[in-house]
Amino acid sequence: QVRLVESGGGLVQPGGSLRLSCAAPRFTFSSFALSWYRQAPGQERELVAGITRTGGTNYADSVKGRFTISRDNAKNTVSLQMNSLKPEDTAVYFCNVKRVVTKEDYWGQGTQVTVSS
């Protein structure tokens, strides 16, 4: 079983920044697509940002220009830099690691992000 360890969540004021990280000890990320999802209370989990094996990225419209996803294959980490945070960004954020060809799909435990004054 792959264990994904997320960190970096917390409470921040509107307009502030946070950086989320996800690491997988003893697991190699390089051949996997990496993503961040979020789930707010009473809502479905939604894709926030994704990055392919080759570095291509995609973002939800609601976070474009404010969030940046990046990966470091040498360190087996994926990060999400979140700037200009808004109260509507409040949610539990989940790291996802997926490789379609082998049907592997792993999730982190989630980290809470709260944007409030």
Protein backbone atom coordinates (compact mmCIF):
# COMPACT_ATOMS: atom_id res chain seq x y z
CA GLN A 1 0.00 0.00 0.00
CA VAL A 2 1.36 3.41 -0.98
CA ARG A 3 1.32 6.01 1.78
CA LEU A 4 1.06 9.65 0.74
CA VAL A 5 1.94 12.26 3.34
CA GLU A 6 0.48 15.73 2.91
CA SER A 7 1.54 18.86 4.73
CA GLY A 8 1.17 22.62 4.61
CA GLY A 9 -2.50 23.18 5.34
CA GLY A 10 -3.75 25.63 7.91
CA LEU A 11 -5.62 28.84 8.57
CA VAL A 12 -4.85 31.88 6.44
CA GLN A 13 -6.48 35.25 5.89
CA PRO A 14 -8.04 36.15 2.56
CA GLY A 15 -5.35 37.23 0.14
CA GLY A 16 -2.74 35.11 1.86
CA SER A 17 -0.70 32.18 0.60
CA LEU A 18 -0.10 28.57 1.51
CA ARG A 19 2.03 25.85 0.02
CA LEU A 20 0.86 22.25 0.18
CA SER A 21 3.24 19.35 -0.28
CA CYS A 22 2.70 15.64 -0.79
CA ALA A 23 5.44 13.07 -0.41
CA ALA A 24 5.59 9.31 -0.71
CA PRO A 25 8.46 7.67 1.14
CA ARG A 26 9.95 4.72 -0.72
CA PHE A 27 7.73 5.26 -3.76
CA THR A 28 8.72 6.58 -7.18
CA PHE A 29 6.50 9.30 -8.63
CA SER A 30 8.14 9.75 -11.98
CA SER A 31 5.81 7.59 -14.08
CA PHE A 32 2.61 8.82 -12.45
CA ALA A 33 0.25 11.71 -13.05
CA LEU A 34 -0.07 13.84 -9.93
CA SER A 35 -3.03 15.94 -8.89
CA TRP A 36 -4.56 17.95 -6.10
CA TYR A 37 -8.28 17.72 -5.37
CA ARG A 38 -10.37 19.47 -2.76
CA GLN A 39 -13.64 18.84 -1.02
CA ALA A 40 -15.64 21.46 0.82
CA PRO A 41 -18.36 20.52 3.33
CA GLY A 42 -21.45 19.26 1.58
CA GLN A 43 -19.81 19.34 -1.82
CA GLU A 44 -18.28 16.76 -4.13
CA ARG A 45 -14.54 16.35 -4.45
CA GLU A 46 -13.22 18.41 -7.34
CA LEU A 47 -10.00 18.56 -9.30
CA VAL A 48 -7.92 21.63 -8.47
CA ALA A 49 -4.76 21.05 -10.48
CA GLY A 50 -2.93 18.25 -12.23
CA ILE A 51 0.53 17.66 -13.66
CA THR A 52 1.47 14.93 -16.11
CA ARG A 53 4.60 12.78 -16.18
CA THR A 54 6.13 15.20 -18.65
CA GLY A 55 5.20 18.36 -16.76
CA GLY A 56 2.04 19.44 -18.52
CA THR A 57 -0.38 21.16 -16.18
CA ASN A 58 -4.08 21.86 -15.97
CA TYR A 59 -6.12 23.88 -13.49
CA ALA A 60 -9.69 24.40 -12.45
CA ASP A 61 -10.97 27.70 -13.80
CA SER A 62 -11.54 28.93 -10.25
CA VAL A 63 -7.83 28.75 -9.38
CA LYS A 64 -6.14 29.67 -12.66
CA GLY A 65 -3.59 32.42 -12.17
CA ARG A 66 -3.55 31.92 -8.40
CA PHE A 67 -2.41 28.31 -7.87
CA THR A 68 0.65 26.56 -9.26
CA ILE A 69 1.28 22.83 -9.20
CA SER A 70 4.80 21.45 -9.45
CA ARG A 71 6.57 18.14 -9.10
CA ASP A 72 10.05 17.07 -8.04
CA ASN A 73 10.66 13.54 -9.23
CA ALA A 74 14.02 13.37 -7.49
CA LYS A 75 12.36 13.97 -4.14
CA ASN A 76 9.09 12.19 -5.00
CA THR A 77 7.02 15.22 -4.08
CA VAL A 78 4.21 17.23 -5.59
CA SER A 79 3.40 20.73 -4.36
CA LEU A 80 0.61 23.22 -4.72
CA GLN A 81 1.47 26.88 -4.27
CA MET A 82 -1.71 28.78 -3.46
CA ASN A 83 -1.71 32.57 -3.66
CA SER A 84 -4.44 35.18 -3.34
CA LEU A 85 -6.53 32.76 -1.33
CA LYS A 86 -10.26 33.33 -1.04
CA PRO A 87 -12.78 32.08 1.52
CA GLU A 88 -14.24 29.83 -1.18
CA ASP A 89 -10.91 27.98 -1.34
CA THR A 90 -11.67 26.58 2.11
CA ALA A 91 -11.72 22.79 1.86
CA VAL A 92 -9.85 19.61 2.61
CA TYR A 93 -7.16 19.20 -0.03
CA PHE A 94 -6.13 15.74 -1.21
CA CYS A 95 -3.09 14.58 -3.10
CA ASN A 96 -3.68 11.99 -5.84
CA VAL A 97 -1.17 9.79 -7.63
CA LYS A 98 -2.41 7.86 -10.64
CA ARG A 99 -1.09 5.64 -13.40
CA VAL A 100 -3.86 4.61 -15.78
CA VAL A 101 -1.99 1.83 -17.60
CA THR A 102 -1.54 -0.13 -14.38
CA LYS A 103 -4.82 1.05 -12.84
CA GLU A 104 -3.00 2.43 -9.83
CA ASP A 105 -4.75 5.25 -7.99
CA TYR A 106 -3.60 6.46 -4.58
CA TRP A 107 -4.91 9.17 -2.28
CA GLY A 108 -3.51 11.09 0.62
CA GLN A 109 -5.38 11.53 3.89
CA GLY A 110 -6.18 15.18 3.20
CA THR A 111 -5.08 18.45 4.73
CA GLN A 112 -7.42 21.22 5.84
CA VAL A 113 -7.14 24.67 4.31
CA THR A 114 -9.23 27.39 5.90
CA VAL A 115 -9.35 30.91 4.49
CA SER A 116 -10.96 33.28 6.94
CA SER A 117 -10.44 36.64 8.56
